[in-house]
Amino acid sequence: MSTVVRPGVARYVVPPQRNRERLDRFLAEASGLSRRGVRALIAEGRVWRNQSSLRVLGRTLDTADVIDLLSPP
């Protein structure tokens, strides 16, 4: 479900069945991280949606959104 874009960056594309799902829930299930861990990464600016950094936790996703997750340090 993920693709490694470069070392330390995983890329996820939102499939149609996950449309309108919360970002933290989607990433937790897709990456295997806890939702709390995902929320911390969002707050740190380590999550990008369609090439824009996100820092707002309550975002919902649209079909075909591209989510990049920078690995935790």
N, C-alpha and C. Protein backbone atom coordinates (compact mmCIF):
# COMPACT_ATOMS: atom_id res chain seq x y z
N MET A 1 0.81 -1.19 0.00
CA MET A 1 0.00 0.00 0.00
C MET A 1 0.86 1.26 0.00
N SER A 2 2.10 1.14 0.47
CA SER A 2 2.98 2.31 0.45
C SER A 2 4.11 2.10 -0.55
N THR A 3 4.70 3.19 -0.95
CA THR A 3 5.85 3.19 -1.83
C THR A 3 6.93 4.02 -1.17
N VAL A 4 8.16 3.54 -1.22
CA VAL A 4 9.26 4.33 -0.68
C VAL A 4 9.71 5.30 -1.76
N VAL A 5 9.57 6.59 -1.50
CA VAL A 5 9.92 7.62 -2.46
C VAL A 5 11.43 7.85 -2.45
N ARG A 6 11.96 7.95 -1.25
CA ARG A 6 13.39 8.05 -1.02
C ARG A 6 13.60 7.54 0.40
N PRO A 7 14.82 7.24 0.80
CA PRO A 7 15.01 6.71 2.15
C PRO A 7 14.39 7.63 3.21
N GLY A 8 13.58 7.04 4.07
CA GLY A 8 12.95 7.78 5.14
C GLY A 8 11.62 8.42 4.80
N VAL A 9 11.13 8.22 3.56
CA VAL A 9 9.85 8.79 3.15
C VAL A 9 8.98 7.69 2.53
N ALA A 10 7.80 7.48 3.13
CA ALA A 10 6.84 6.52 2.59
C ALA A 10 5.69 7.30 1.97
N ARG A 11 5.21 6.84 0.82
CA ARG A 11 4.12 7.52 0.11
C ARG A 11 2.90 6.60 0.07
N TYR A 12 1.76 7.18 0.38
CA TYR A 12 0.49 6.47 0.35
C TYR A 12 -0.47 7.23 -0.54
N VAL A 13 -1.25 6.50 -1.36
CA VAL A 13 -2.28 7.12 -2.20
C VAL A 13 -3.62 6.64 -1.66
N VAL A 14 -4.53 7.57 -1.43
CA VAL A 14 -5.82 7.26 -0.83
C VAL A 14 -6.72 6.58 -1.86
N PRO A 15 -7.14 5.33 -1.58
CA PRO A 15 -8.04 4.64 -2.52
C PRO A 15 -9.48 5.13 -2.33
N PRO A 16 -10.34 4.88 -3.32
CA PRO A 16 -11.73 5.37 -3.26
C PRO A 16 -12.49 4.94 -2.00
N GLN A 17 -12.25 3.73 -1.52
CA GLN A 17 -12.99 3.25 -0.35
C GLN A 17 -12.58 3.95 0.94
N ARG A 18 -11.49 4.71 0.94
CA ARG A 18 -11.04 5.44 2.13
C ARG A 18 -11.33 6.94 2.01
N ASN A 19 -12.11 7.34 1.01
CA ASN A 19 -12.48 8.75 0.81
C ASN A 19 -13.19 9.28 2.05
N ARG A 20 -12.89 10.52 2.44
CA ARG A 20 -13.48 11.25 3.56
C ARG A 20 -13.07 10.69 4.93
N GLU A 21 -12.06 9.84 4.96
CA GLU A 21 -11.55 9.32 6.22
C GLU A 21 -10.57 10.33 6.84
N ARG A 22 -10.49 10.32 8.17
CA ARG A 22 -9.55 11.22 8.84
C ARG A 22 -8.12 10.79 8.55
N LEU A 23 -7.28 11.79 8.37
CA LEU A 23 -5.87 11.55 8.05
C LEU A 23 -5.18 10.67 9.08
N ASP A 24 -5.36 10.96 10.37
CA ASP A 24 -4.66 10.19 11.39
C ASP A 24 -5.09 8.73 11.40
N ARG A 25 -6.35 8.47 11.19
CA ARG A 25 -6.84 7.09 11.16
C ARG A 25 -6.27 6.34 9.95
N PHE A 26 -6.32 6.98 8.79
CA PHE A 26 -5.80 6.36 7.57
C PHE A 26 -4.32 6.02 7.72
N LEU A 27 -3.53 6.98 8.17
CA LEU A 27 -2.08 6.75 8.29
C LEU A 27 -1.75 5.72 9.35
N ALA A 28 -2.48 5.70 10.44
CA ALA A 28 -2.23 4.71 11.49
C ALA A 28 -2.44 3.30 10.93
N GLU A 29 -3.53 3.09 10.22
CA GLU A 29 -3.80 1.77 9.65
C GLU A 29 -2.83 1.43 8.53
N ALA A 30 -2.49 2.39 7.70
CA ALA A 30 -1.61 2.13 6.55
C ALA A 30 -0.16 1.91 6.96
N SER A 31 0.29 2.64 8.00
CA SER A 31 1.71 2.58 8.37
C SER A 31 2.02 1.64 9.52
N GLY A 32 0.99 1.30 10.30
CA GLY A 32 1.23 0.47 11.47
C GLY A 32 1.61 1.26 12.72
N LEU A 33 1.67 2.58 12.60
CA LEU A 33 1.96 3.43 13.75
C LEU A 33 0.67 3.62 14.56
N SER A 34 0.80 4.04 15.80
CA SER A 34 -0.38 4.34 16.59
C SER A 34 -0.96 5.67 16.12
N ARG A 35 -2.24 5.90 16.41
CA ARG A 35 -2.86 7.18 16.04
C ARG A 35 -2.18 8.31 16.79
N ARG A 36 -1.82 8.07 18.03
CA ARG A 36 -1.12 9.10 18.81
C ARG A 36 0.23 9.42 18.17
N GLY A 37 0.94 8.39 17.71
CA GLY A 37 2.22 8.61 17.04
C GLY A 37 2.05 9.39 15.74
N VAL A 38 1.01 9.05 14.99
CA VAL A 38 0.73 9.77 13.74
C VAL A 38 0.40 11.23 14.03
N ARG A 39 -0.41 11.47 15.06
CA ARG A 39 -0.75 12.85 15.41
C ARG A 39 0.49 13.66 15.78
N ALA A 40 1.43 13.02 16.47
CA ALA A 40 2.67 13.71 16.84
C ALA A 40 3.47 14.07 15.58
N LEU A 41 3.52 13.14 14.61
CA LEU A 41 4.24 13.41 13.37
C LEU A 41 3.58 14.54 12.58
N ILE A 42 2.24 14.59 12.59
CA ILE A 42 1.53 15.67 11.91
C ILE A 42 1.89 17.00 12.57
N ALA A 43 1.85 17.03 13.90
CA ALA A 43 2.17 18.27 14.63
C ALA A 43 3.60 18.73 14.38
N GLU A 44 4.51 17.78 14.13
CA GLU A 44 5.92 18.11 13.86
C GLU A 44 6.16 18.51 12.40
N GLY A 45 5.12 18.42 11.56
CA GLY A 45 5.28 18.76 10.15
C GLY A 45 5.92 17.66 9.32
N ARG A 46 5.83 16.42 9.78
CA ARG A 46 6.45 15.30 9.08
C ARG A 46 5.48 14.56 8.16
N VAL A 47 4.27 15.12 7.98
CA VAL A 47 3.27 14.53 7.08
C VAL A 47 2.91 15.58 6.03
N TRP A 48 2.93 15.15 4.79
CA TRP A 48 2.62 16.03 3.66
C TRP A 48 1.45 15.45 2.88
N ARG A 49 0.55 16.32 2.45
CA ARG A 49 -0.59 15.91 1.63
C ARG A 49 -0.52 16.69 0.32
N ASN A 50 -0.43 15.97 -0.77
CA ASN A 50 -0.35 16.60 -2.10
C ASN A 50 0.73 17.67 -2.15
N GLN A 51 1.89 17.34 -1.60
CA GLN A 51 3.10 18.17 -1.61
C GLN A 51 2.99 19.42 -0.75
N SER A 52 2.05 19.44 0.21
CA SER A 52 1.94 20.55 1.16
C SER A 52 2.00 20.01 2.58
N SER A 53 2.80 20.63 3.40
CA SER A 53 2.92 20.21 4.79
C SER A 53 1.61 20.42 5.54
N LEU A 54 1.28 19.46 6.39
CA LEU A 54 0.07 19.56 7.21
C LEU A 54 0.44 19.69 8.67
N ARG A 55 -0.29 20.50 9.40
CA ARG A 55 -0.12 20.58 10.85
C ARG A 55 -1.47 20.58 11.56
N VAL A 56 -2.55 20.40 10.81
CA VAL A 56 -3.90 20.38 11.39
C VAL A 56 -4.34 18.93 11.50
N LEU A 57 -4.75 18.53 12.69
CA LEU A 57 -5.02 17.12 12.95
C LEU A 57 -6.32 16.61 12.36
N GLY A 58 -7.35 17.41 12.23
CA GLY A 58 -8.66 16.93 11.86
C GLY A 58 -8.94 16.86 10.37
N ARG A 59 -7.94 16.79 9.55
CA ARG A 59 -8.15 16.79 8.09
C ARG A 59 -8.78 15.48 7.63
N THR A 60 -9.68 15.59 6.64
CA THR A 60 -10.21 14.40 6.00
C THR A 60 -9.59 14.29 4.62
N LEU A 61 -9.57 13.08 4.11
CA LEU A 61 -8.88 12.79 2.86
C LEU A 61 -9.86 12.67 1.70
N ASP A 62 -9.36 12.91 0.52
CA ASP A 62 -10.11 12.72 -0.71
C ASP A 62 -9.45 11.62 -1.52
N THR A 63 -10.23 10.98 -2.36
CA THR A 63 -9.70 9.93 -3.22
C THR A 63 -8.52 10.46 -4.03
N ALA A 64 -7.48 9.66 -4.11
CA ALA A 64 -6.26 9.95 -4.87
C ALA A 64 -5.34 10.99 -4.22
N ASP A 65 -5.65 11.44 -2.99
CA ASP A 65 -4.69 12.28 -2.27
C ASP A 65 -3.39 11.50 -2.12
N VAL A 66 -2.28 12.19 -2.22
CA VAL A 66 -0.96 11.58 -2.03
C VAL A 66 -0.42 12.04 -0.67
N ILE A 67 -0.18 11.09 0.20
CA ILE A 67 0.28 11.37 1.55
C ILE A 67 1.72 10.89 1.68
N ASP A 68 2.63 11.80 2.04
CA ASP A 68 4.02 11.44 2.28
C ASP A 68 4.27 11.50 3.78
N LEU A 69 4.89 10.45 4.30
CA LEU A 69 5.18 10.35 5.72
C LEU A 69 6.68 10.24 5.90
N LEU A 70 7.26 11.25 6.53
CA LEU A 70 8.69 11.22 6.84
C LEU A 70 8.88 10.38 8.08
N SER A 71 9.75 9.41 8.02
CA SER A 71 9.95 8.48 9.12
C SER A 71 10.31 9.20 10.41
N PRO A 72 9.82 8.66 11.54
CA PRO A 72 10.19 9.26 12.82
C PRO A 72 11.69 9.18 13.03
N PRO A 73 12.26 10.16 13.75
CA PRO A 73 13.72 10.13 13.97
C PRO A 73 14.14 8.98 14.86
